Amino acid sequence: EINRVRIKRTGYDNEWIVTLVEWTAKQVERMAYV
């Protein structure tokens, strides 16, 4: 939250997806880190 980063569980075991808060859906799709 301090870094304006969003992490959330993907639904598969303990996987996490990492994105920046201001990213659009297209940016998330293209650049998210899992």
PDB file of all heavy atoms in Angstrom:
ATOM      1  N   GLU A   1       0.828  -1.208   0.000  1.00  0.00           N
ATOM      2  CA  GLU A   1       0.000   0.000   0.000  1.00  0.00           C
ATOM      3  C   GLU A   1       0.863   1.260   0.000  1.00  0.00           C
ATOM      4  O   GLU A   1       0.578   2.220  -0.712  1.00  0.00           O
ATOM      5  CB  GLU A   1      -0.907  -0.013   1.232  1.00  0.00           C
ATOM      6  CG  GLU A   1      -1.906   1.116   1.253  1.00  0.00           C
ATOM      7  CD  GLU A   1      -2.840   1.039   2.446  1.00  0.00           C
ATOM      8  OE1 GLU A   1      -3.036  -0.063   2.993  1.00  0.00           O
ATOM      9  OE2 GLU A   1      -3.365   2.100   2.823  1.00  0.00           O
ATOM     10  N   ILE A   2       1.936   1.240   0.763  1.00  0.00           N
ATOM     11  CA  ILE A   2       2.861   2.379   0.822  1.00  0.00           C
ATOM     12  C   ILE A   2       3.447   2.649  -0.563  1.00  0.00           C
ATOM     13  O   ILE A   2       3.600   3.803  -0.965  1.00  0.00           O
ATOM     14  CB  ILE A   2       3.991   2.108   1.838  1.00  0.00           C
ATOM     15  CG1 ILE A   2       3.418   2.148   3.250  1.00  0.00           C
ATOM     16  CG2 ILE A   2       5.128   3.102   1.679  1.00  0.00           C
ATOM     17  CD1 ILE A   2       4.363   1.613   4.308  1.00  0.00           C
ATOM     18  N   ASN A   3       3.756   1.610  -1.310  1.00  0.00           N
ATOM     19  CA  ASN A   3       4.366   1.741  -2.634  1.00  0.00           C
ATOM     20  C   ASN A   3       3.357   1.853  -3.771  1.00  0.00           C
ATOM     21  O   ASN A   3       3.745   1.896  -4.939  1.00  0.00           O
ATOM     22  CB  ASN A   3       5.280   0.542  -2.916  1.00  0.00           C
ATOM     23  CG  ASN A   3       6.555   0.600  -2.137  1.00  0.00           C
ATOM     24  OD1 ASN A   3       7.172   1.647  -2.037  1.00  0.00           O
ATOM     25  ND2 ASN A   3       6.955  -0.515  -1.564  1.00  0.00           N
ATOM     26  N   ARG A   4       2.066   1.879  -3.437  1.00  0.00           N
ATOM     27  CA  ARG A   4       0.996   1.919  -4.438  1.00  0.00           C
ATOM     28  C   ARG A   4       1.100   0.721  -5.386  1.00  0.00           C
ATOM     29  O   ARG A   4       0.995   0.825  -6.600  1.00  0.00           O
ATOM     30  CB  ARG A   4       0.966   3.236  -5.195  1.00  0.00           C
ATOM     31  CG  ARG A   4       0.634   4.411  -4.286  1.00  0.00           C
ATOM     32  CD  ARG A   4       0.406   5.722  -4.978  1.00  0.00           C
ATOM     33  NE  ARG A   4      -0.391   5.700  -6.180  1.00  0.00           N
ATOM     34  CZ  ARG A   4      -1.736   5.614  -6.237  1.00  0.00           C
ATOM     35  NH1 ARG A   4      -2.441   5.511  -5.145  1.00  0.00           N
ATOM     36  NH2 ARG A   4      -2.358   5.635  -7.392  1.00  0.00           N
ATOM     37  N   VAL A   5       1.341  -0.441  -4.760  1.00  0.00           N
ATOM     38  CA  VAL A   5       1.425  -1.713  -5.463  1.00  0.00           C
ATOM     39  C   VAL A   5       0.256  -2.573  -5.007  1.00  0.00           C
ATOM     40  O   VAL A   5      -0.116  -2.546  -3.837  1.00  0.00           O
ATOM     41  CB  VAL A   5       2.766  -2.424  -5.143  1.00  0.00           C
ATOM     42  CG1 VAL A   5       2.794  -3.837  -5.691  1.00  0.00           C
ATOM     43  CG2 VAL A   5       3.934  -1.612  -5.683  1.00  0.00           C
ATOM     44  N   ARG A   6      -0.306  -3.319  -5.921  1.00  0.00           N
ATOM     45  CA  ARG A   6      -1.413  -4.211  -5.583  1.00  0.00           C
ATOM     46  C   ARG A   6      -0.924  -5.649  -5.695  1.00  0.00           C
ATOM     47  O   ARG A   6      -0.358  -6.037  -6.706  1.00  0.00           O
ATOM     48  CB  ARG A   6      -2.573  -3.977  -6.545  1.00  0.00           C
ATOM     49  CG  ARG A   6      -3.794  -4.816  -6.233  1.00  0.00           C
ATOM     50  CD  ARG A   6      -4.940  -4.491  -7.167  1.00  0.00           C
ATOM     51  NE  ARG A   6      -5.411  -3.137  -6.909  1.00  0.00           N
ATOM     52  CZ  ARG A   6      -5.591  -2.205  -7.846  1.00  0.00           C
ATOM     53  NH1 ARG A   6      -5.352  -2.478  -9.112  1.00  0.00           N
ATOM     54  NH2 ARG A   6      -6.032  -1.020  -7.541  1.00  0.00           N
ATOM     55  N   ILE A   7      -1.133  -6.409  -4.634  1.00  0.00           N
ATOM     56  CA  ILE A   7      -0.904  -7.853  -4.698  1.00  0.00           C
ATOM     57  C   ILE A   7      -2.203  -8.537  -4.309  1.00  0.00           C
ATOM     58  O   ILE A   7      -2.926  -8.065  -3.438  1.00  0.00           O
ATOM     59  CB  ILE A   7       0.256  -8.341  -3.797  1.00  0.00           C
ATOM     60  CG1 ILE A   7      -0.006  -8.063  -2.326  1.00  0.00           C
ATOM     61  CG2 ILE A   7       1.574  -7.754  -4.239  1.00  0.00           C
ATOM     62  CD1 ILE A   7       0.971  -8.744  -1.395  1.00  0.00           C
ATOM     63  N   LYS A   8      -2.495  -9.614  -4.991  1.00  0.00           N
ATOM     64  CA  LYS A   8      -3.674 -10.388  -4.625  1.00  0.00           C
ATOM     65  C   LYS A   8      -3.463 -11.835  -5.025  1.00  0.00           C
ATOM     66  O   LYS A   8      -2.668 -12.137  -5.921  1.00  0.00           O
ATOM     67  CB  LYS A   8      -4.941  -9.814  -5.249  1.00  0.00           C
ATOM     68  CG  LYS A   8      -5.014  -9.894  -6.742  1.00  0.00           C
ATOM     69  CD  LYS A   8      -6.329  -9.317  -7.230  1.00  0.00           C
ATOM     70  CE  LYS A   8      -6.499  -9.569  -8.705  1.00  0.00           C
ATOM     71  NZ  LYS A   8      -7.778  -9.153  -9.200  1.00  0.00           N
ATOM     72  N   ARG A   9      -4.177 -12.699  -4.347  1.00  0.00           N
ATOM     73  CA  ARG A   9      -4.076 -14.130  -4.645  1.00  0.00           C
ATOM     74  C   ARG A   9      -4.754 -14.410  -5.980  1.00  0.00           C
ATOM     75  O   ARG A   9      -5.780 -13.829  -6.290  1.00  0.00           O
ATOM     76  CB  ARG A   9      -4.732 -14.955  -3.559  1.00  0.00           C
ATOM     77  CG  ARG A   9      -3.957 -14.953  -2.282  1.00  0.00           C
ATOM     78  CD  ARG A   9      -4.616 -15.845  -1.259  1.00  0.00           C
ATOM     79  NE  ARG A   9      -4.018 -15.589   0.025  1.00  0.00           N
ATOM     80  CZ  ARG A   9      -3.336 -16.496   0.702  1.00  0.00           C
ATOM     81  NH1 ARG A   9      -3.199 -17.700   0.242  1.00  0.00           N
ATOM     82  NH2 ARG A   9      -2.810 -16.191   1.864  1.00  0.00           N
ATOM     83  N   THR A  10      -4.175 -15.331  -6.722  1.00  0.00           N
ATOM     84  CA  THR A  10      -4.735 -15.660  -8.037  1.00  0.00           C
ATOM     85  C   THR A  10      -5.839 -16.690  -7.944  1.00  0.00           C
ATOM     86  O   THR A  10      -6.620 -16.839  -8.866  1.00  0.00           O
ATOM     87  CB  THR A  10      -3.652 -16.229  -8.973  1.00  0.00           C
ATOM     88  OG1 THR A  10      -3.174 -17.457  -8.429  1.00  0.00           O
ATOM     89  CG2 THR A  10      -2.523 -15.253  -9.181  1.00  0.00           C
ATOM     90  N   GLY A  11      -5.902 -17.430  -6.856  1.00  0.00           N
ATOM     91  CA  GLY A  11      -6.874 -18.501  -6.729  1.00  0.00           C
ATOM     92  C   GLY A  11      -6.249 -19.870  -6.894  1.00  0.00           C
ATOM     93  O   GLY A  11      -6.888 -20.889  -6.671  1.00  0.00           O
ATOM     94  N   TYR A  12      -4.999 -19.914  -7.289  1.00  0.00           N
ATOM     95  CA  TYR A  12      -4.265 -21.171  -7.439  1.00  0.00           C
ATOM     96  C   TYR A  12      -3.269 -21.299  -6.294  1.00  0.00           C
ATOM     97  O   TYR A  12      -2.268 -20.601  -6.253  1.00  0.00           O
ATOM     98  CB  TYR A  12      -3.511 -21.219  -8.773  1.00  0.00           C
ATOM     99  CG  TYR A  12      -4.419 -21.189  -9.960  1.00  0.00           C
ATOM    100  CD1 TYR A  12      -4.595 -20.030 -10.690  1.00  0.00           C
ATOM    101  CD2 TYR A  12      -5.124 -22.323 -10.339  1.00  0.00           C
ATOM    102  CE1 TYR A  12      -5.442 -20.003 -11.784  1.00  0.00           C
ATOM    103  CE2 TYR A  12      -5.974 -22.304 -11.432  1.00  0.00           C
ATOM    104  CZ  TYR A  12      -6.119 -21.136 -12.148  1.00  0.00           C
ATOM    105  OH  TYR A  12      -6.959 -21.116 -13.219  1.00  0.00           O
ATOM    106  N   ASP A  13      -3.563 -22.170  -5.365  1.00  0.00           N
ATOM    107  CA  ASP A  13      -2.700 -22.399  -4.204  1.00  0.00           C
ATOM    108  C   ASP A  13      -2.279 -21.076  -3.565  1.00  0.00           C
ATOM    109  O   ASP A  13      -3.100 -20.298  -3.157  1.00  0.00           O
ATOM    110  CB  ASP A  13      -1.488 -23.259  -4.569  1.00  0.00           C
ATOM    111  CG  ASP A  13      -1.887 -24.681  -4.943  1.00  0.00           C
ATOM    112  OD1 ASP A  13      -2.838 -25.199  -4.343  1.00  0.00           O
ATOM    113  OD2 ASP A  13      -1.228 -25.254  -5.820  1.00  0.00           O
ATOM    114  N   ASN A  14      -0.975 -20.843  -3.501  1.00  0.00           N
ATOM    115  CA  ASN A  14      -0.460 -19.626  -2.879  1.00  0.00           C
ATOM    116  C   ASN A  14       0.114 -18.658  -3.896  1.00  0.00           C
ATOM    117  O   ASN A  14       1.062 -17.940  -3.607  1.00  0.00           O
ATOM    118  CB  ASN A  14       0.620 -19.987  -1.849  1.00  0.00           C
ATOM    119  CG  ASN A  14       0.029 -20.565  -0.601  1.00  0.00           C
ATOM    120  OD1 ASN A  14      -1.094 -20.219  -0.228  1.00  0.00           O
ATOM    121  ND2 ASN A  14       0.759 -21.436   0.056  1.00  0.00           N
ATOM    122  N   GLU A  15      -0.421 -18.612  -5.086  1.00  0.00           N
ATOM    123  CA  GLU A  15       0.094 -17.697  -6.100  1.00  0.00           C
ATOM    124  C   GLU A  15      -0.395 -16.280  -5.841  1.00  0.00           C
ATOM    125  O   GLU A  15      -1.530 -16.070  -5.440  1.00  0.00           O
ATOM    126  CB  GLU A  15      -0.349 -18.124  -7.497  1.00  0.00           C
ATOM    127  CG  GLU A  15       0.476 -19.230  -8.072  1.00  0.00           C
ATOM    128  CD  GLU A  15       0.180 -19.453  -9.543  1.00  0.00           C
ATOM    129  OE1 GLU A  15      -0.801 -18.921 -10.057  1.00  0.00           O
ATOM    130  OE2 GLU A  15       0.944 -20.186 -10.159  1.00  0.00           O
ATOM    131  N   TRP A  16       0.491 -15.339  -6.100  1.00  0.00           N
ATOM    132  CA  TRP A  16       0.192 -13.917  -5.946  1.00  0.00           C
ATOM    133  C   TRP A  16       0.438 -13.217  -7.271  1.00  0.00           C
ATOM    134  O   TRP A  16       1.402 -13.512  -7.975  1.00  0.00           O
ATOM    135  CB  TRP A  16       1.106 -13.301  -4.879  1.00  0.00           C
ATOM    136  CG  TRP A  16       0.867 -13.862  -3.528  1.00  0.00           C
ATOM    137  CD1 TRP A  16       1.488 -14.943  -2.967  1.00  0.00           C
ATOM    138  CD2 TRP A  16      -0.074 -13.406  -2.574  1.00  0.00           C
ATOM    139  NE1 TRP A  16       0.986 -15.179  -1.714  1.00  0.00           N
ATOM    140  CE2 TRP A  16       0.031 -14.236  -1.446  1.00  0.00           C
ATOM    141  CE3 TRP A  16      -0.994 -12.358  -2.549  1.00  0.00           C
ATOM    142  CZ2 TRP A  16      -0.752 -14.070  -0.316  1.00  0.00           C
ATOM    143  CZ3 TRP A  16      -1.767 -12.192  -1.427  1.00  0.00           C
ATOM    144  CH2 TRP A  16      -1.649 -13.036  -0.321  1.00  0.00           C
ATOM    145  N   ILE A  17      -0.406 -12.246  -7.598  1.00  0.00           N
ATOM    146  CA  ILE A  17      -0.216 -11.419  -8.784  1.00  0.00           C
ATOM    147  C   ILE A  17       0.141 -10.015  -8.312  1.00  0.00           C
ATOM    148  O   ILE A  17      -0.458  -9.493  -7.379  1.00  0.00           O
ATOM    149  CB  ILE A  17      -1.452 -11.426  -9.703  1.00  0.00           C
ATOM    150  CG1 ILE A  17      -1.158 -10.692 -10.996  1.00  0.00           C
ATOM    151  CG2 ILE A  17      -2.673 -10.859  -9.013  1.00  0.00           C
ATOM    152  CD1 ILE A  17      -2.190 -10.908 -12.079  1.00  0.00           C
ATOM    153  N   VAL A  18       1.145  -9.432  -8.939  1.00  0.00           N
ATOM    154  CA  VAL A  18       1.673  -8.132  -8.539  1.00  0.00           C
ATOM    155  C   VAL A  18       1.462  -7.139  -9.675  1.00  0.00           C
ATOM    156  O   VAL A  18       1.867  -7.409 -10.815  1.00  0.00           O
ATOM    157  CB  VAL A  18       3.189  -8.220  -8.222  1.00  0.00           C
ATOM    158  CG1 VAL A  18       3.719  -6.890  -7.738  1.00  0.00           C
ATOM    159  CG2 VAL A  18       3.480  -9.338  -7.227  1.00  0.00           C
ATOM    160  N   THR A  19       0.832  -6.012  -9.362  1.00  0.00           N
ATOM    161  CA  THR A  19       0.614  -4.947 -10.343  1.00  0.00           C
ATOM    162  C   THR A  19       0.772  -3.597  -9.659  1.00  0.00           C
ATOM    163  O   THR A  19       0.748  -3.510  -8.431  1.00  0.00           O
ATOM    164  CB  THR A  19      -0.794  -5.024 -10.960  1.00  0.00           C
ATOM    165  OG1 THR A  19      -1.760  -4.864  -9.930  1.00  0.00           O
ATOM    166  CG2 THR A  19      -1.014  -6.344 -11.680  1.00  0.00           C
ATOM    167  N   LEU A  20       0.898  -2.562 -10.451  1.00  0.00           N
ATOM    168  CA  LEU A  20       0.870  -1.209  -9.917  1.00  0.00           C
ATOM    169  C   LEU A  20      -0.579  -0.729  -9.909  1.00  0.00           C
ATOM    170  O   LEU A  20      -1.354  -1.072 -10.801  1.00  0.00           O
ATOM    171  CB  LEU A  20       1.742  -0.270 -10.751  1.00  0.00           C
ATOM    172  CG  LEU A  20       3.240  -0.582 -10.771  1.00  0.00           C
ATOM    173  CD1 LEU A  20       3.996   0.448 -11.600  1.00  0.00           C
ATOM    174  CD2 LEU A  20       3.816  -0.665  -9.373  1.00  0.00           C
ATOM    175  N   VAL A  21      -0.938   0.053  -8.915  1.00  0.00           N
ATOM    176  CA  VAL A  21      -2.323   0.481  -8.723  1.00  0.00           C
ATOM    177  C   VAL A  21      -2.874   1.207  -9.949  1.00  0.00           C
ATOM    178  O   VAL A  21      -4.014   0.985 -10.342  1.00  0.00           O
ATOM    179  CB  VAL A  21      -2.430   1.373  -7.464  1.00  0.00           C
ATOM    180  CG1 VAL A  21      -3.785   2.012  -7.352  1.00  0.00           C
ATOM    181  CG2 VAL A  21      -2.126   0.553  -6.222  1.00  0.00           C
ATOM    182  N   GLU A  22      -2.068   2.028 -10.576  1.00  0.00           N
ATOM    183  CA  GLU A  22      -2.579   2.872 -11.667  1.00  0.00           C
ATOM    184  C   GLU A  22      -2.616   2.188 -13.035  1.00  0.00           C
ATOM    185  O   GLU A  22      -3.015   2.787 -14.028  1.00  0.00           O
ATOM    186  CB  GLU A  22      -1.786   4.180 -11.766  1.00  0.00           C
ATOM    187  CG  GLU A  22      -0.333   4.017 -12.150  1.00  0.00           C
ATOM    188  CD  GLU A  22       0.581   3.785 -10.955  1.00  0.00           C
ATOM    189  OE1 GLU A  22       0.121   3.717  -9.817  1.00  0.00           O
ATOM    190  OE2 GLU A  22       1.792   3.680 -11.187  1.00  0.00           O
ATOM    191  N   TRP A  23      -2.197   0.941 -13.117  1.00  0.00           N
ATOM    192  CA  TRP A  23      -2.199   0.250 -14.400  1.00  0.00           C
ATOM    193  C   TRP A  23      -3.606   0.035 -14.931  1.00  0.00           C
ATOM    194  O   TRP A  23      -4.532  -0.250 -14.192  1.00  0.00           O
ATOM    195  CB  TRP A  23      -1.529  -1.100 -14.276  1.00  0.00           C
ATOM    196  CG  TRP A  23      -0.035  -1.054 -14.284  1.00  0.00           C
ATOM    197  CD1 TRP A  23       0.765   0.044 -14.400  1.00  0.00           C
ATOM    198  CD2 TRP A  23       0.839  -2.167 -14.160  1.00  0.00           C
ATOM    199  NE1 TRP A  23       2.082  -0.320 -14.362  1.00  0.00           N
ATOM    200  CE2 TRP A  23       2.159  -1.669 -14.217  1.00  0.00           C
ATOM    201  CE3 TRP A  23       0.638  -3.515 -14.012  1.00  0.00           C
ATOM    202  CZ2 TRP A  23       3.260  -2.492 -14.129  1.00  0.00           C
ATOM    203  CZ3 TRP A  23       1.745  -4.341 -13.923  1.00  0.00           C
ATOM    204  CH2 TRP A  23       3.051  -3.840 -13.987  1.00  0.00           C
ATOM    205  N   THR A  24      -3.731   0.123 -16.241  1.00  0.00           N
ATOM    206  CA  THR A  24      -4.990  -0.218 -16.905  1.00  0.00           C
ATOM    207  C   THR A  24      -5.083  -1.738 -17.030  1.00  0.00           C
ATOM    208  O   THR A  24      -4.111  -2.453 -16.804  1.00  0.00           O
ATOM    209  CB  THR A  24      -5.031   0.389 -18.321  1.00  0.00           C
ATOM    210  OG1 THR A  24      -3.990  -0.224 -19.104  1.00  0.00           O
ATOM    211  CG2 THR A  24      -4.859   1.902 -18.309  1.00  0.00           C
ATOM    212  N   ALA A  25      -6.246  -2.220 -17.428  1.00  0.00           N
ATOM    213  CA  ALA A  25      -6.444  -3.667 -17.588  1.00  0.00           C
ATOM    214  C   ALA A  25      -5.465  -4.247 -18.615  1.00  0.00           C
ATOM    215  O   ALA A  25      -4.939  -5.347 -18.429  1.00  0.00           O
ATOM    216  CB  ALA A  25      -7.881  -3.962 -17.993  1.00  0.00           C
ATOM    217  N   LYS A  26      -5.214  -3.496 -19.678  1.00  0.00           N
ATOM    218  CA  LYS A  26      -4.273  -3.972 -20.700  1.00  0.00           C
ATOM    219  C   LYS A  26      -2.857  -4.076 -20.142  1.00  0.00           C
ATOM    220  O   LYS A  26      -2.122  -5.011 -20.453  1.00  0.00           O
ATOM    221  CB  LYS A  26      -4.291  -3.056 -21.919  1.00  0.00           C
ATOM    222  CG  LYS A  26      -5.498  -3.252 -22.791  1.00  0.00           C
ATOM    223  CD  LYS A  26      -5.404  -2.426 -24.050  1.00  0.00           C
ATOM    224  CE  LYS A  26      -6.624  -2.668 -24.917  1.00  0.00           C
ATOM    225  NZ  LYS A  26      -6.527  -1.970 -26.191  1.00  0.00           N
ATOM    226  N   GLN A  27      -2.459  -3.099 -19.338  1.00  0.00           N
ATOM    227  CA  GLN A  27      -1.124  -3.140 -18.741  1.00  0.00           C
ATOM    228  C   GLN A  27      -1.011  -4.317 -17.769  1.00  0.00           C
ATOM    229  O   GLN A  27       0.013  -4.995 -17.730  1.00  0.00           O
ATOM    230  CB  GLN A  27      -0.816  -1.831 -18.013  1.00  0.00           C
ATOM    231  CG  GLN A  27      -0.530  -0.681 -18.956  1.00  0.00           C
ATOM    232  CD  GLN A  27      -0.393   0.623 -18.209  1.00  0.00           C
ATOM    233  OE1 GLN A  27      -1.277   1.004 -17.450  1.00  0.00           O
ATOM    234  NE2 GLN A  27       0.721   1.300 -18.426  1.00  0.00           N
ATOM    235  N   VAL A  28      -2.049  -4.553 -16.997  1.00  0.00           N
ATOM    236  CA  VAL A  28      -2.051  -5.682 -16.062  1.00  0.00           C
ATOM    237  C   VAL A  28      -1.885  -6.980 -16.830  1.00  0.00           C
ATOM    238  O   VAL A  28      -1.073  -7.835 -16.468  1.00  0.00           O
ATOM    239  CB  VAL A  28      -3.347  -5.703 -15.217  1.00  0.00           C
ATOM    240  CG1 VAL A  28      -3.490  -7.024 -14.484  1.00  0.00           C
ATOM    241  CG2 VAL A  28      -3.363  -4.536 -14.240  1.00  0.00           C
ATOM    242  N   GLU A  29      -2.643  -7.122 -17.893  1.00  0.00           N
ATOM    243  CA  GLU A  29      -2.584  -8.339 -18.705  1.00  0.00           C
ATOM    244  C   GLU A  29      -1.187  -8.565 -19.279  1.00  0.00           C
ATOM    245  O   GLU A  29      -0.695  -9.677 -19.351  1.00  0.00           O
ATOM    246  CB  GLU A  29      -3.609  -8.239 -19.833  1.00  0.00           C
ATOM    247  CG  GLU A  29      -3.770  -9.491 -20.643  1.00  0.00           C
ATOM    248  CD  GLU A  29      -4.857  -9.328 -21.692  1.00  0.00           C
ATOM    249  OE1 GLU A  29      -5.987  -8.970 -21.328  1.00  0.00           O
ATOM    250  OE2 GLU A  29      -4.545  -9.553 -22.877  1.00  0.00           O
ATOM    251  N   ARG A  30      -0.542  -7.481 -19.673  1.00  0.00           N
ATOM    252  CA  ARG A  30       0.751  -7.568 -20.354  1.00  0.00           C
ATOM    253  C   ARG A  30       1.944  -7.652 -19.390  1.00  0.00           C
ATOM    254  O   ARG A  30       2.934  -8.318 -19.680  1.00  0.00           O
ATOM    255  CB  ARG A  30       0.901  -6.350 -21.266  1.00  0.00           C
ATOM    256  CG  ARG A  30       2.008  -6.450 -22.284  1.00  0.00           C
ATOM    257  CD  ARG A  30       2.003  -5.287 -23.267  1.00  0.00           C
ATOM    258  NE  ARG A  30       2.427  -4.056 -22.618  1.00  0.00           N
ATOM    259  CZ  ARG A  30       1.671  -2.956 -22.496  1.00  0.00           C
ATOM    260  NH1 ARG A  30       0.447  -2.933 -22.971  1.00  0.00           N
ATOM    261  NH2 ARG A  30       2.129  -1.893 -21.893  1.00  0.00           N
ATOM    262  N   MET A  31       1.859  -6.959 -18.229  1.00  0.00           N
ATOM    263  CA  MET A  31       3.055  -6.791 -17.412  1.00  0.00           C
ATOM    264  C   MET A  31       2.963  -7.324 -15.984  1.00  0.00           C
ATOM    265  O   MET A  31       3.920  -7.188 -15.222  1.00  0.00           O
ATOM    266  CB  MET A  31       3.417  -5.307 -17.352  1.00  0.00           C
ATOM    267  CG  MET A  31       3.741  -4.726 -18.708  1.00  0.00           C
ATOM    268  SD  MET A  31       4.373  -3.036 -18.663  1.00  0.00           S
ATOM    269  CE  MET A  31       2.978  -2.114 -18.090  1.00  0.00           C
ATOM    270  N   ALA A  32       1.858  -7.919 -15.592  1.00  0.00           N
ATOM    271  CA  ALA A  32       1.722  -8.421 -14.222  1.00  0.00           C
ATOM    272  C   ALA A  32       2.762  -9.495 -13.932  1.00  0.00           C
ATOM    273  O   ALA A  32       3.169 -10.241 -14.817  1.00  0.00           O
ATOM    274  CB  ALA A  32       0.321  -8.963 -13.998  1.00  0.00           C
ATOM    275  N   TYR A  33       3.179  -9.553 -12.693  1.00  0.00           N
ATOM    276  CA  TYR A  33       4.153 -10.551 -12.235  1.00  0.00           C
ATOM    277  C   TYR A  33       3.423 -11.538 -11.339  1.00  0.00           C
ATOM    278  O   TYR A  33       2.661 -11.145 -10.453  1.00  0.00           O
ATOM    279  CB  TYR A  33       5.270  -9.844 -11.463  1.00  0.00           C
ATOM    280  CG  TYR A  33       6.316 -10.764 -10.911  1.00  0.00           C
ATOM    281  CD1 TYR A  33       7.261 -11.339 -11.744  1.00  0.00           C
ATOM    282  CD2 TYR A  33       6.371 -11.057  -9.552  1.00  0.00           C
ATOM    283  CE1 TYR A  33       8.240 -12.184 -11.245  1.00  0.00           C
ATOM    284  CE2 TYR A  33       7.342 -11.895  -9.041  1.00  0.00           C
ATOM    285  CZ  TYR A  33       8.274 -12.455  -9.897  1.00  0.00           C
ATOM    286  OH  TYR A  33       9.241 -13.296  -9.395  1.00  0.00           O
ATOM    287  N   VAL A  34       3.641 -12.817 -11.547  1.00  0.00           N
ATOM    288  CA  VAL A  34       2.992 -13.866 -10.755  1.00  0.00           C
ATOM    289  C   VAL A  34       4.068 -14.686 -10.060  1.00  0.00           C
ATOM    290  O   VAL A  34       5.062 -15.075 -10.673  1.00  0.00           O
ATOM    291  CB  VAL A  34       2.112 -14.777 -11.644  1.00  0.00           C
ATOM    292  CG1 VAL A  34       1.472 -15.869 -10.814  1.00  0.00           C
ATOM    293  CG2 VAL A  34       1.058 -13.967 -12.378  1.00  0.00           C
TER     294      VAL A  34
END
